[in-house]
Amino acid sequence: MDTTTATYIRDLFLEPDAQLEAALQRAAAAGLRSIQVPPELGRLLGMLVRASGARRVLEIGTLAGYSAIHLARALPADGRLISLEIDQRHAQVARENLAHAGLADRAEIRVGAALDLLPTLSADPPFDLAFVDADKEPYPAYFEWCMRLVRPGGMIIVDNVLSRYGIIHPQSGDTESQAIAAVNQAAAHDPRLDAIILPVRDGRDGVLIAVIRTEPKAAP
């Protein structure tokens, strides 16, 4: 998808959104990197939450809360988003953005290393959907935890799974690419999953969408 195509899609489907724009402005004012999901992926996240009827959503990697706003908006009034963020400063900006968007009552940000926080969720009810967009080397561990924490029939979405990190043409010793490639391989071959990668960001990257089957795939 080239830039002209991306602009056409955004102009056609994405109206100006004051809350999201304010979220980006707060992030910039706080010195946060502009690495949030693109607008069309944010829209897709919300659509997937609604289409799946999700009521409990897990996010790994909050940054400034841009994707969290999309996810939380799509939840029913009694729905719950739990977002994990390692950086206290990022979490504070995200909380401000969620509060400004009127979503503080359905979105909770927990601060700490995700691999420390994920085990604490095991005793909670299962999640309906998980979105992963965080540091890349732990992606295989994040994905495995999502497989444990998301219910059968639920969905796992993983950002940054294509050539932006050298997956198609990997470099020797690139641990990030190796980690992401491992997740892609696991999703492609796990009989518990139906999965696909969609290209995003003008075709420079991709998002993995996997549905946990209620019954494993039959052998071919």
N, C-alpha and C. Protein backbone atom coordinates (compact mmCIF):
# COMPACT_ATOMS: atom_id res chain seq x y z
N MET A 1 0.85 -1.20 0.00
CA MET A 1 0.00 0.00 0.00
C MET A 1 0.89 1.24 0.00
N ASP A 2 0.86 2.04 -1.08
CA ASP A 2 1.71 3.21 -1.14
C ASP A 2 1.07 4.38 -0.40
N THR A 3 1.82 5.48 -0.32
CA THR A 3 1.35 6.63 0.46
C THR A 3 0.05 7.19 -0.10
N THR A 4 -0.09 7.20 -1.43
CA THR A 4 -1.33 7.70 -2.03
C THR A 4 -2.52 6.86 -1.60
N THR A 5 -2.33 5.55 -1.58
CA THR A 5 -3.41 4.66 -1.15
C THR A 5 -3.75 4.89 0.31
N ALA A 6 -2.73 5.01 1.16
CA ALA A 6 -2.97 5.24 2.58
C ALA A 6 -3.72 6.55 2.80
N THR A 7 -3.34 7.59 2.09
CA THR A 7 -4.02 8.88 2.22
C THR A 7 -5.47 8.77 1.76
N TYR A 8 -5.70 8.05 0.66
CA TYR A 8 -7.07 7.86 0.17
C TYR A 8 -7.92 7.17 1.23
N ILE A 9 -7.39 6.10 1.83
CA ILE A 9 -8.14 5.36 2.84
C ILE A 9 -8.45 6.24 4.04
N ARG A 10 -7.44 6.96 4.51
CA ARG A 10 -7.65 7.81 5.69
C ARG A 10 -8.64 8.93 5.40
N ASP A 11 -8.53 9.54 4.23
CA ASP A 11 -9.46 10.62 3.89
C ASP A 11 -10.89 10.10 3.76
N LEU A 12 -11.03 8.88 3.27
CA LEU A 12 -12.36 8.33 3.02
C LEU A 12 -13.04 7.84 4.30
N PHE A 13 -12.28 7.18 5.17
CA PHE A 13 -12.88 6.48 6.30
C PHE A 13 -12.63 7.12 7.67
N LEU A 14 -11.63 7.96 7.79
CA LEU A 14 -11.23 8.45 9.12
C LEU A 14 -11.45 9.95 9.23
N GLU A 15 -12.52 10.32 9.90
CA GLU A 15 -12.80 11.74 10.12
C GLU A 15 -11.88 12.29 11.20
N PRO A 16 -11.66 13.59 11.23
CA PRO A 16 -10.84 14.18 12.30
C PRO A 16 -11.39 13.80 13.67
N ASP A 17 -10.50 13.52 14.60
CA ASP A 17 -10.89 13.06 15.93
C ASP A 17 -10.12 13.88 16.96
N ALA A 18 -10.82 14.79 17.62
CA ALA A 18 -10.17 15.72 18.54
C ALA A 18 -9.49 15.01 19.70
N GLN A 19 -10.10 13.96 20.21
CA GLN A 19 -9.51 13.25 21.35
C GLN A 19 -8.22 12.55 20.96
N LEU A 20 -8.20 11.92 19.80
CA LEU A 20 -6.98 11.25 19.35
C LEU A 20 -5.90 12.26 19.01
N GLU A 21 -6.27 13.36 18.40
CA GLU A 21 -5.28 14.39 18.10
C GLU A 21 -4.69 14.97 19.38
N ALA A 22 -5.53 15.18 20.38
CA ALA A 22 -5.04 15.69 21.67
C ALA A 22 -4.11 14.69 22.32
N ALA A 23 -4.41 13.40 22.17
CA ALA A 23 -3.55 12.37 22.73
C ALA A 23 -2.16 12.43 22.09
N LEU A 24 -2.10 12.60 20.79
CA LEU A 24 -0.82 12.71 20.11
C LEU A 24 -0.07 13.97 20.53
N GLN A 25 -0.79 15.06 20.72
CA GLN A 25 -0.15 16.30 21.15
C GLN A 25 0.43 16.17 22.56
N ARG A 26 -0.28 15.52 23.46
CA ARG A 26 0.26 15.31 24.81
C ARG A 26 1.50 14.43 24.76
N ALA A 27 1.45 13.41 23.93
CA ALA A 27 2.61 12.53 23.80
C ALA A 27 3.82 13.30 23.30
N ALA A 28 3.61 14.14 22.28
CA ALA A 28 4.72 14.92 21.74
C ALA A 28 5.25 15.90 22.77
N ALA A 29 4.35 16.54 23.52
CA ALA A 29 4.77 17.50 24.54
C ALA A 29 5.57 16.83 25.64
N ALA A 30 5.28 15.57 25.90
CA ALA A 30 6.00 14.82 26.94
C ALA A 30 7.29 14.20 26.41
N GLY A 31 7.56 14.38 25.12
CA GLY A 31 8.79 13.85 24.54
C GLY A 31 8.74 12.39 24.18
N LEU A 32 7.54 11.82 24.07
CA LEU A 32 7.41 10.41 23.71
C LEU A 32 7.62 10.24 22.20
N ARG A 33 8.20 9.11 21.82
CA ARG A 33 8.41 8.81 20.41
C ARG A 33 7.08 8.62 19.69
N SER A 34 7.02 9.04 18.44
CA SER A 34 5.80 8.91 17.64
C SER A 34 5.80 7.55 16.95
N ILE A 35 5.55 6.50 17.74
CA ILE A 35 5.59 5.13 17.21
C ILE A 35 4.27 4.41 17.47
N GLN A 36 3.21 5.18 17.67
CA GLN A 36 1.89 4.58 17.89
C GLN A 36 1.39 3.93 16.60
N VAL A 37 0.34 3.12 16.73
CA VAL A 37 -0.23 2.48 15.54
C VAL A 37 -0.74 3.55 14.59
N PRO A 38 -0.73 3.28 13.27
CA PRO A 38 -1.31 4.25 12.33
C PRO A 38 -2.82 4.31 12.49
N PRO A 39 -3.43 5.40 12.04
CA PRO A 39 -4.88 5.58 12.26
C PRO A 39 -5.73 4.44 11.73
N GLU A 40 -5.38 3.91 10.56
CA GLU A 40 -6.21 2.84 10.00
C GLU A 40 -6.11 1.56 10.82
N LEU A 41 -4.96 1.31 11.45
CA LEU A 41 -4.84 0.14 12.31
C LEU A 41 -5.61 0.37 13.61
N GLY A 42 -5.59 1.60 14.10
CA GLY A 42 -6.41 1.91 15.27
C GLY A 42 -7.88 1.64 15.00
N ARG A 43 -8.35 2.06 13.83
CA ARG A 43 -9.74 1.80 13.46
C ARG A 43 -10.00 0.29 13.39
N LEU A 44 -9.07 -0.46 12.81
CA LEU A 44 -9.24 -1.90 12.71
C LEU A 44 -9.30 -2.54 14.10
N LEU A 45 -8.47 -2.10 15.03
CA LEU A 45 -8.50 -2.65 16.38
C LEU A 45 -9.88 -2.49 17.00
N GLY A 46 -10.44 -1.30 16.88
CA GLY A 46 -11.78 -1.07 17.42
C GLY A 46 -12.82 -1.93 16.76
N MET A 47 -12.72 -2.08 15.45
CA MET A 47 -13.69 -2.93 14.73
C MET A 47 -13.59 -4.38 15.17
N LEU A 48 -12.37 -4.87 15.39
CA LEU A 48 -12.20 -6.25 15.82
C LEU A 48 -12.75 -6.48 17.23
N VAL A 49 -12.59 -5.49 18.10
CA VAL A 49 -13.17 -5.60 19.44
C VAL A 49 -14.69 -5.70 19.34
N ARG A 50 -15.29 -4.83 18.54
CA ARG A 50 -16.76 -4.85 18.40
C ARG A 50 -17.23 -6.13 17.72
N ALA A 51 -16.57 -6.51 16.64
CA ALA A 51 -17.01 -7.68 15.87
C ALA A 51 -16.91 -8.96 16.68
N SER A 52 -15.91 -9.03 17.57
CA SER A 52 -15.73 -10.24 18.37
C SER A 52 -16.58 -10.24 19.63
N GLY A 53 -17.25 -9.11 19.91
CA GLY A 53 -18.04 -9.01 21.13
C GLY A 53 -17.18 -9.02 22.38
N ALA A 54 -15.94 -8.60 22.27
CA ALA A 54 -15.02 -8.64 23.41
C ALA A 54 -15.50 -7.75 24.55
N ARG A 55 -15.33 -8.25 25.76
CA ARG A 55 -15.65 -7.49 26.97
C ARG A 55 -14.41 -7.29 27.84
N ARG A 56 -13.44 -8.18 27.68
CA ARG A 56 -12.17 -8.06 28.41
C ARG A 56 -11.03 -8.09 27.40
N VAL A 57 -10.22 -7.01 27.42
CA VAL A 57 -9.14 -6.86 26.45
C VAL A 57 -7.82 -6.63 27.19
N LEU A 58 -6.79 -7.29 26.71
CA LEU A 58 -5.43 -7.13 27.24
C LEU A 58 -4.58 -6.43 26.19
N GLU A 59 -3.82 -5.43 26.63
CA GLU A 59 -2.87 -4.76 25.76
C GLU A 59 -1.49 -4.85 26.39
N ILE A 60 -0.50 -5.25 25.62
CA ILE A 60 0.88 -5.29 26.09
C ILE A 60 1.64 -4.20 25.35
N GLY A 61 1.95 -3.12 26.07
CA GLY A 61 2.60 -1.96 25.50
C GLY A 61 1.60 -0.82 25.32
N THR A 62 1.65 0.16 26.21
CA THR A 62 0.66 1.24 26.21
C THR A 62 1.14 2.47 25.46
N LEU A 63 2.41 2.83 25.64
CA LEU A 63 2.98 4.09 25.16
C LEU A 63 2.12 5.24 25.68
N ALA A 64 1.53 6.05 24.79
CA ALA A 64 0.73 7.19 25.24
C ALA A 64 -0.76 6.91 25.25
N GLY A 65 -1.15 5.67 24.99
CA GLY A 65 -2.57 5.34 25.08
C GLY A 65 -3.36 5.52 23.80
N TYR A 66 -2.68 5.74 22.67
CA TYR A 66 -3.42 5.95 21.42
C TYR A 66 -4.20 4.70 21.02
N SER A 67 -3.53 3.56 21.00
CA SER A 67 -4.25 2.32 20.68
C SER A 67 -5.21 1.94 21.79
N ALA A 68 -4.86 2.26 23.04
CA ALA A 68 -5.77 1.96 24.15
C ALA A 68 -7.09 2.70 24.00
N ILE A 69 -7.05 3.92 23.49
CA ILE A 69 -8.28 4.67 23.26
C ILE A 69 -9.16 3.94 22.25
N HIS A 70 -8.55 3.49 21.16
CA HIS A 70 -9.32 2.75 20.15
C HIS A 70 -9.93 1.48 20.75
N LEU A 71 -9.13 0.75 21.52
CA LEU A 71 -9.62 -0.50 22.10
C LEU A 71 -10.72 -0.25 23.12
N ALA A 72 -10.50 0.70 24.02
CA ALA A 72 -11.47 0.95 25.09
C ALA A 72 -12.77 1.54 24.56
N ARG A 73 -12.68 2.40 23.57
CA ARG A 73 -13.89 2.96 22.97
C ARG A 73 -14.83 1.88 22.45
N ALA A 74 -14.25 0.80 21.94
CA ALA A 74 -15.05 -0.24 21.30
C ALA A 74 -15.69 -1.19 22.31
N LEU A 75 -15.28 -1.11 23.56
CA LEU A 75 -15.83 -2.00 24.58
C LEU A 75 -17.22 -1.55 25.00
N PRO A 76 -18.05 -2.48 25.47
CA PRO A 76 -19.33 -2.06 26.08
C PRO A 76 -19.06 -1.30 27.37
N ALA A 77 -20.09 -0.66 27.90
CA ALA A 77 -19.91 0.19 29.08
C ALA A 77 -19.34 -0.56 30.26
N ASP A 78 -19.62 -1.86 30.38
CA ASP A 78 -19.09 -2.64 31.49
C ASP A 78 -17.85 -3.44 31.08
N GLY A 79 -17.28 -3.13 29.93
CA GLY A 79 -16.07 -3.81 29.48
C GLY A 79 -14.84 -3.31 30.21
N ARG A 80 -13.73 -4.02 30.02
CA ARG A 80 -12.50 -3.69 30.74
C ARG A 80 -11.29 -3.91 29.86
N LEU A 81 -10.43 -2.89 29.79
CA LEU A 81 -9.13 -2.98 29.14
C LEU A 81 -8.07 -2.92 30.22
N ILE A 82 -7.16 -3.88 30.21
CA ILE A 82 -5.97 -3.84 31.06
C ILE A 82 -4.78 -3.71 30.15
N SER A 83 -4.04 -2.62 30.31
CA SER A 83 -2.89 -2.33 29.47
C SER A 83 -1.63 -2.32 30.32
N LEU A 84 -0.59 -3.00 29.85
CA LEU A 84 0.66 -3.15 30.59
C LEU A 84 1.72 -2.25 29.99
N GLU A 85 2.38 -1.45 30.82
CA GLU A 85 3.38 -0.49 30.35
C GLU A 85 4.55 -0.45 31.32
N ILE A 86 5.75 -0.57 30.80
CA ILE A 86 6.93 -0.63 31.66
C ILE A 86 7.39 0.74 32.15
N ASP A 87 7.06 1.79 31.42
CA ASP A 87 7.57 3.12 31.71
C ASP A 87 6.52 3.96 32.45
N GLN A 88 6.87 4.41 33.64
CA GLN A 88 5.92 5.18 34.45
C GLN A 88 5.50 6.48 33.78
N ARG A 89 6.44 7.12 33.09
CA ARG A 89 6.11 8.39 32.42
C ARG A 89 5.12 8.14 31.27
N HIS A 90 5.36 7.10 30.50
CA HIS A 90 4.41 6.75 29.44
C HIS A 90 3.02 6.48 30.03
N ALA A 91 3.01 5.73 31.12
CA ALA A 91 1.73 5.37 31.75
C ALA A 91 0.96 6.61 32.20
N GLN A 92 1.68 7.60 32.74
CA GLN A 92 1.01 8.80 33.21
C GLN A 92 0.38 9.57 32.05
N VAL A 93 1.11 9.69 30.94
CA VAL A 93 0.55 10.36 29.76
C VAL A 93 -0.67 9.59 29.25
N ALA A 94 -0.56 8.28 29.22
CA ALA A 94 -1.67 7.46 28.74
C ALA A 94 -2.89 7.61 29.63
N ARG A 95 -2.69 7.64 30.93
CA ARG A 95 -3.84 7.83 31.83
C ARG A 95 -4.52 9.16 31.59
N GLU A 96 -3.72 10.20 31.36
CA GLU A 96 -4.30 11.51 31.06
C GLU A 96 -5.10 11.45 29.75
N ASN A 97 -4.55 10.78 28.76
CA ASN A 97 -5.25 10.69 27.47
C ASN A 97 -6.55 9.89 27.59
N LEU A 98 -6.52 8.81 28.33
CA LEU A 98 -7.73 8.01 28.51
C LEU A 98 -8.78 8.78 29.30
N ALA A 99 -8.35 9.51 30.32
CA ALA A 99 -9.28 10.31 31.10
C ALA A 99 -9.91 11.40 30.23
N HIS A 100 -9.09 12.05 29.41
CA HIS A 100 -9.59 13.10 28.53
C HIS A 100 -10.61 12.55 27.53
N ALA A 101 -10.41 11.29 27.14
CA ALA A 101 -11.33 10.65 26.20
C ALA A 101 -12.55 10.05 26.89
N GLY A 102 -12.67 10.22 28.21
CA GLY A 102 -13.81 9.70 28.95
C GLY A 102 -13.80 8.20 29.14
N LEU A 103 -12.59 7.61 29.18
CA LEU A 103 -12.48 6.16 29.22
C LEU A 103 -11.79 5.63 30.47
N ALA A 104 -11.55 6.49 31.43
CA ALA A 104 -10.82 6.06 32.63
C ALA A 104 -11.56 4.99 33.40
N ASP A 105 -12.88 4.92 33.25
CA ASP A 105 -13.65 3.94 34.01
C ASP A 105 -13.58 2.53 33.42
N ARG A 106 -13.09 2.39 32.19
CA ARG A 106 -13.04 1.06 31.58
C ARG A 106 -11.63 0.67 31.13
N ALA A 107 -10.62 1.48 31.45
CA ALA A 107 -9.25 1.19 31.06
C ALA A 107 -8.32 1.35 32.26
N GLU A 108 -7.53 0.32 32.53
CA GLU A 108 -6.59 0.33 33.64
C GLU A 108 -5.19 0.09 33.10
N ILE A 109 -4.25 0.92 33.50
CA ILE A 109 -2.86 0.76 33.09
C ILE A 109 -2.07 0.25 34.29
N ARG A 110 -1.41 -0.88 34.11
CA ARG A 110 -0.56 -1.45 35.16
C ARG A 110 0.90 -1.27 34.75
N VAL A 111 1.70 -0.77 35.67
CA VAL A 111 3.08 -0.40 35.36
C VAL A 111 4.03 -1.49 35.85
N GLY A 112 4.93 -1.88 34.96
CA GLY A 112 5.94 -2.87 35.29
C GLY A 112 6.32 -3.65 34.04
N ALA A 113 7.31 -4.51 34.17
CA ALA A 113 7.69 -5.36 33.06
C ALA A 113 6.57 -6.34 32.76
N ALA A 114 6.20 -6.45 31.49
CA ALA A 114 5.05 -7.29 31.13
C ALA A 114 5.23 -8.73 31.59
N LEU A 115 6.44 -9.25 31.49
CA LEU A 115 6.65 -10.65 31.87
C LEU A 115 6.55 -10.85 33.38
N ASP A 116 6.61 -9.78 34.15
CA ASP A 116 6.33 -9.86 35.59
C ASP A 116 4.84 -9.73 35.87
N LEU A 117 4.15 -8.93 35.05
CA LEU A 117 2.74 -8.65 35.30
C LEU A 117 1.82 -9.73 34.73
N LEU A 118 2.21 -10.34 33.62
CA LEU A 118 1.32 -11.31 32.97
C LEU A 118 0.95 -12.49 33.87
N PRO A 119 1.90 -13.05 34.65
CA PRO A 119 1.50 -14.16 35.53
C PRO A 119 0.45 -13.78 36.56
N THR A 120 0.39 -12.49 36.93
CA THR A 120 -0.60 -12.07 37.92
C THR A 120 -2.01 -12.07 37.37
N LEU A 121 -2.15 -12.19 36.04
CA LEU A 121 -3.48 -12.19 35.41
C LEU A 121 -4.06 -13.59 35.28
N SER A 122 -3.28 -14.60 35.64
CA SER A 122 -3.72 -15.98 35.43
C SER A 122 -4.97 -16.34 36.23
N ALA A 123 -5.12 -15.72 37.41
CA ALA A 123 -6.27 -16.05 38.25
C ALA A 123 -7.52 -15.27 37.86
N ASP A 124 -7.38 -14.29 36.94
CA ASP A 124 -8.52 -13.49 36.52
C ASP A 124 -9.32 -14.22 35.44
N PRO A 125 -10.54 -13.76 35.15
CA PRO A 125 -11.28 -14.35 34.02
C PRO A 125 -10.49 -14.21 32.73
N PRO A 126 -10.66 -15.12 31.78
CA PRO A 126 -9.89 -15.03 30.54
C PRO A 126 -10.25 -13.77 29.74
N PHE A 127 -9.32 -13.37 28.90
CA PHE A 127 -9.54 -12.23 28.02
C PHE A 127 -10.19 -12.70 26.73
N ASP A 128 -10.89 -11.79 26.09
CA ASP A 128 -11.51 -12.07 24.80
C ASP A 128 -10.59 -11.69 23.64
N LEU A 129 -9.69 -10.75 23.89
CA LEU A 129 -8.82 -10.24 22.83
C LEU A 129 -7.56 -9.69 23.48
N ALA A 130 -6.41 -9.89 22.83
CA ALA A 130 -5.15 -9.34 23.29
C ALA A 130 -4.46 -8.63 22.13
N PHE A 131 -3.84 -7.49 22.42
CA PHE A 131 -3.08 -6.74 21.42
C PHE A 131 -1.67 -6.55 21.95
N VAL A 132 -0.68 -6.94 21.16
CA VAL A 132 0.72 -6.87 21.55
C VAL A 132 1.43 -5.85 20.66
N ASP A 133 2.04 -4.84 21.29
CA ASP A 133 2.81 -3.83 20.57
C ASP A 133 3.82 -3.26 21.56
N ALA A 134 4.90 -3.99 21.78
CA ALA A 134 5.86 -3.63 22.82
C ALA A 134 7.27 -3.97 22.35
N ASP A 135 8.21 -4.09 23.29
CA ASP A 135 9.57 -4.46 22.93
C ASP A 135 9.57 -5.82 22.24
N LYS A 136 10.43 -5.97 21.25
CA LYS A 136 10.26 -7.08 20.30
C LYS A 136 10.91 -8.39 20.74
N GLU A 137 12.03 -8.35 21.42
CA GLU A 137 12.71 -9.60 21.77
C GLU A 137 11.84 -10.53 22.62
N PRO A 138 11.01 -10.00 23.53
CA PRO A 138 10.13 -10.92 24.29
C PRO A 138 8.85 -11.32 23.56
N TYR A 139 8.69 -10.99 22.29
CA TYR A 139 7.45 -11.31 21.58
C TYR A 139 7.04 -12.78 21.72
N PRO A 140 7.97 -13.74 21.57
CA PRO A 140 7.52 -15.14 21.73
C PRO A 140 6.92 -15.42 23.09
N ALA A 141 7.52 -14.86 24.15
CA ALA A 141 6.98 -15.06 25.50
C ALA A 141 5.64 -14.35 25.64
N TYR A 142 5.52 -13.15 25.10
CA TYR A 142 4.23 -12.45 25.15
C TYR A 142 3.15 -13.26 24.45
N PHE A 143 3.51 -13.79 23.29
CA PHE A 143 2.52 -14.55 22.50
C PHE A 143 2.07 -15.80 23.27
N GLU A 144 3.02 -16.47 23.90
CA GLU A 144 2.67 -17.66 24.67
C GLU A 144 1.76 -17.30 25.84
N TRP A 145 2.02 -16.19 26.50
CA TRP A 145 1.14 -15.77 27.59
C TRP A 145 -0.25 -15.43 27.06
N CYS A 146 -0.31 -14.80 25.90
CA CYS A 146 -1.63 -14.50 25.32
C CYS A 146 -2.39 -15.79 25.02
N MET A 147 -1.69 -16.81 24.55
CA MET A 147 -2.33 -18.09 24.31
C MET A 147 -2.92 -18.67 25.60
N ARG A 148 -2.28 -18.41 26.72
CA ARG A 148 -2.79 -18.90 28.00
C ARG A 148 -3.94 -18.05 28.53
N LEU A 149 -3.88 -16.75 28.28
CA LEU A 149 -4.81 -15.82 28.94
C LEU A 149 -6.05 -15.50 28.11
N VAL A 150 -6.02 -15.75 26.80
CA VAL A 150 -7.17 -15.47 25.94
C VAL A 150 -7.99 -16.75 25.77
N ARG A 151 -9.29 -16.61 25.83
CA ARG A 151 -10.21 -17.77 25.79
C ARG A 151 -10.24 -18.40 24.40
N PRO A 152 -10.64 -19.67 24.31
CA PRO A 152 -10.93 -20.27 23.00
C PRO A 152 -12.00 -19.44 22.28
N GLY A 153 -11.78 -19.19 21.02
CA GLY A 153 -12.66 -18.31 20.26
C GLY A 153 -12.22 -16.86 20.30
N GLY A 154 -11.27 -16.54 21.18
CA GLY A 154 -10.75 -15.18 21.29
C GLY A 154 -9.68 -14.89 20.26
N MET A 155 -9.16 -13.67 20.31
CA MET A 155 -8.29 -13.17 19.26
C MET A 155 -7.01 -12.59 19.84
N ILE A 156 -5.90 -12.83 19.14
CA ILE A 156 -4.61 -12.24 19.48
C ILE A 156 -4.13 -11.44 18.29
N ILE A 157 -3.77 -10.18 18.51
CA ILE A 157 -3.29 -9.29 17.46
C ILE A 157 -1.89 -8.84 17.84
N VAL A 158 -0.95 -8.96 16.91
CA VAL A 158 0.45 -8.61 17.17
C VAL A 158 0.92 -7.64 16.10
N ASP A 159 1.42 -6.49 16.52
CA ASP A 159 1.89 -5.47 15.59
C ASP A 159 3.37 -5.68 15.27
N ASN A 160 3.81 -5.08 14.15
CA ASN A 160 5.22 -5.05 13.74
C ASN A 160 5.77 -6.43 13.43
N VAL A 161 5.13 -7.17 12.54
CA VAL A 161 5.55 -8.55 12.28
C VAL A 161 6.10 -8.76 10.87
N LEU A 162 6.43 -7.66 10.13
CA LEU A 162 6.96 -7.84 8.78
C LEU A 162 8.28 -7.10 8.58
N SER A 163 8.47 -6.56 7.39
CA SER A 163 9.79 -6.13 6.95
C SER A 163 10.35 -4.92 7.69
N ARG A 164 9.51 -4.22 8.44
CA ARG A 164 10.04 -3.10 9.21
C ARG A 164 11.16 -3.58 10.13
N TYR A 165 11.10 -4.80 10.60
CA TYR A 165 12.13 -5.37 11.45
C TYR A 165 12.92 -6.46 10.74
N GLY A 166 12.97 -6.41 9.41
CA GLY A 166 13.82 -7.30 8.67
C GLY A 166 13.37 -8.74 8.63
N ILE A 167 12.07 -8.97 8.73
CA ILE A 167 11.59 -10.35 8.77
C ILE A 167 11.73 -11.01 7.40
N ILE A 168 11.44 -10.28 6.35
CA ILE A 168 11.53 -10.86 5.01
C ILE A 168 12.98 -11.04 4.59
N HIS A 169 13.83 -10.08 4.94
CA HIS A 169 15.26 -10.17 4.63
C HIS A 169 16.04 -9.98 5.93
N PRO A 170 16.04 -10.99 6.80
CA PRO A 170 16.65 -10.83 8.12
C PRO A 170 18.17 -10.68 8.05
N GLN A 171 18.70 -9.93 9.01
CA GLN A 171 20.13 -9.75 9.16
C GLN A 171 20.66 -10.72 10.21
N SER A 172 21.82 -11.26 9.98
CA SER A 172 22.43 -12.18 10.93
C SER A 172 22.63 -11.49 12.28
N GLY A 173 22.21 -12.18 13.35
CA GLY A 173 22.38 -11.63 14.69
C GLY A 173 21.31 -10.65 15.10
N ASP A 174 20.31 -10.44 14.28
CA ASP A 174 19.23 -9.51 14.61
C ASP A 174 18.23 -10.24 15.50
N THR A 175 18.35 -10.06 16.80
CA THR A 175 17.51 -10.81 17.74
C THR A 175 16.06 -10.38 17.67
N GLU A 176 15.79 -9.12 17.34
CA GLU A 176 14.40 -8.69 17.21
C GLU A 176 13.72 -9.41 16.05
N SER A 177 14.39 -9.45 14.91
CA SER A 177 13.82 -10.14 13.76
C SER A 177 13.60 -11.62 14.04
N GLN A 178 14.56 -12.23 14.71
CA GLN A 178 14.44 -13.65 15.03
C GLN A 178 13.24 -13.90 15.95
N ALA A 179 13.04 -13.01 16.91
CA ALA A 179 11.92 -13.17 17.84
C ALA A 179 10.59 -13.03 17.12
N ILE A 180 10.50 -12.03 16.25
CA ILE A 180 9.24 -11.82 15.53
C ILE A 180 8.98 -12.96 14.55
N ALA A 181 10.03 -13.40 13.87
CA ALA A 181 9.87 -14.53 12.95
C ALA A 181 9.39 -15.77 13.69
N ALA A 182 9.87 -15.96 14.92
CA ALA A 182 9.43 -17.11 15.71
C ALA A 182 7.93 -17.04 16.01
N VAL A 183 7.43 -15.84 16.30
CA VAL A 183 6.00 -15.68 16.55
C VAL A 183 5.21 -15.97 15.27
N ASN A 184 5.68 -15.45 14.15
CA ASN A 184 4.98 -15.70 12.89
C ASN A 184 4.92 -17.19 12.59
N GLN A 185 6.04 -17.89 12.79
CA GLN A 185 6.06 -19.33 12.56
C GLN A 185 5.10 -20.06 13.51
N ALA A 186 5.12 -19.66 14.78
CA ALA A 186 4.25 -20.30 15.75
C ALA A 186 2.79 -20.11 15.38
N ALA A 187 2.41 -18.90 14.98
CA ALA A 187 1.01 -18.64 14.62
C ALA A 187 0.61 -19.41 13.36
N ALA A 188 1.55 -19.54 12.42
CA ALA A 188 1.23 -20.21 11.16
C ALA A 188 1.03 -21.71 11.34
N HIS A 189 1.72 -22.30 12.31
CA HIS A 189 1.74 -23.77 12.40
C HIS A 189 1.05 -24.33 13.63
N ASP A 190 0.56 -23.49 14.51
CA ASP A 190 -0.12 -23.99 15.70
C ASP A 190 -1.53 -24.44 15.32
N PRO A 191 -1.87 -25.73 15.54
CA PRO A 191 -3.20 -26.22 15.14
C PRO A 191 -4.34 -25.61 15.93
N ARG A 192 -4.01 -24.88 16.99
CA ARG A 192 -5.04 -24.22 17.78
C ARG A 192 -5.47 -22.89 17.19
N LEU A 193 -4.78 -22.44 16.14
CA LEU A 193 -4.99 -21.09 15.64
C LEU A 193 -5.40 -21.05 14.18
N ASP A 194 -6.23 -20.07 13.84
CA ASP A 194 -6.40 -19.59 12.47
C ASP A 194 -5.75 -18.21 12.43
N ALA A 195 -4.78 -18.00 11.56
CA ALA A 195 -4.01 -16.76 11.61
C ALA A 195 -3.67 -16.27 10.22
N ILE A 196 -3.41 -14.95 10.13
CA ILE A 196 -2.99 -14.32 8.88
C ILE A 196 -2.25 -13.03 9.24
N ILE A 197 -1.36 -12.61 8.34
CA ILE A 197 -0.68 -11.32 8.48
C ILE A 197 -1.24 -10.37 7.43
N LEU A 198 -1.61 -9.17 7.88
CA LEU A 198 -2.06 -8.11 6.97
C LEU A 198 -0.98 -7.04 6.88
N PRO A 199 -0.60 -6.61 5.66
CA PRO A 199 0.38 -5.53 5.55
C PRO A 199 -0.23 -4.20 5.98
N VAL A 200 0.57 -3.38 6.65
CA VAL A 200 0.15 -2.04 7.09
C VAL A 200 1.32 -1.08 6.88
N ARG A 201 1.08 0.18 7.22
CA ARG A 201 2.11 1.21 7.12
C ARG A 201 2.71 1.26 5.70
N ASP A 202 1.83 1.48 4.76
CA ASP A 202 2.23 1.58 3.34
C ASP A 202 2.98 0.34 2.88
N GLY A 203 2.65 -0.82 3.46
CA GLY A 203 3.27 -2.06 3.07
C GLY A 203 4.63 -2.31 3.67
N ARG A 204 5.11 -1.40 4.53
CA ARG A 204 6.43 -1.57 5.14
C ARG A 204 6.40 -2.45 6.37
N ASP A 205 5.23 -2.80 6.86
CA ASP A 205 5.12 -3.61 8.07
C ASP A 205 3.83 -4.41 8.01
N GLY A 206 3.57 -5.19 9.06
CA GLY A 206 2.38 -6.02 9.07
C GLY A 206 1.86 -6.25 10.47
N VAL A 207 0.61 -6.67 10.52
CA VAL A 207 -0.04 -7.01 11.79
C VAL A 207 -0.54 -8.45 11.69
N LEU A 208 -0.25 -9.23 12.71
CA LEU A 208 -0.68 -10.62 12.79
C LEU A 208 -2.02 -10.67 13.51
N ILE A 209 -2.98 -11.35 12.91
CA ILE A 209 -4.29 -11.56 13.54
C ILE A 209 -4.52 -13.06 13.66
N ALA A 210 -4.69 -13.52 14.88
CA ALA A 210 -4.87 -14.96 15.14
C ALA A 210 -6.10 -15.18 15.99
N VAL A 211 -6.91 -16.14 15.61
CA VAL A 211 -8.09 -16.53 16.38
C VAL A 211 -7.83 -17.90 16.98
N ILE A 212 -8.04 -18.02 18.29
CA ILE A 212 -7.86 -19.30 18.95
C ILE A 212 -9.08 -20.17 18.66
N ARG A 213 -8.86 -21.28 18.01
CA ARG A 213 -9.95 -22.17 17.62
C ARG A 213 -10.59 -22.82 18.84
N THR A 214 -11.87 -23.06 18.76
CA THR A 214 -12.54 -23.80 19.82
C THR A 214 -12.24 -25.29 19.72
N GLU A 215 -11.84 -25.73 18.53
CA GLU A 215 -11.38 -27.10 18.32
C GLU A 215 -10.14 -27.04 17.44
N PRO A 216 -9.09 -27.85 17.72
CA PRO A 216 -7.88 -27.82 16.89
C PRO A 216 -8.19 -28.20 15.44
N LYS A 217 -7.34 -27.73 14.54
CA LYS A 217 -7.49 -28.09 13.14
C LYS A 217 -7.33 -29.58 12.95
N ALA A 218 -8.11 -30.13 12.04
CA ALA A 218 -7.95 -31.55 11.69
C ALA A 218 -6.68 -31.72 10.87
N ALA A 219 -6.06 -32.87 11.02
CA ALA A 219 -4.86 -33.16 10.24
C ALA A 219 -5.20 -33.23 8.77
N PRO A 220 -4.32 -32.69 7.87
CA PRO A 220 -4.62 -32.72 6.42
C PRO A 220 -4.59 -34.14 5.87
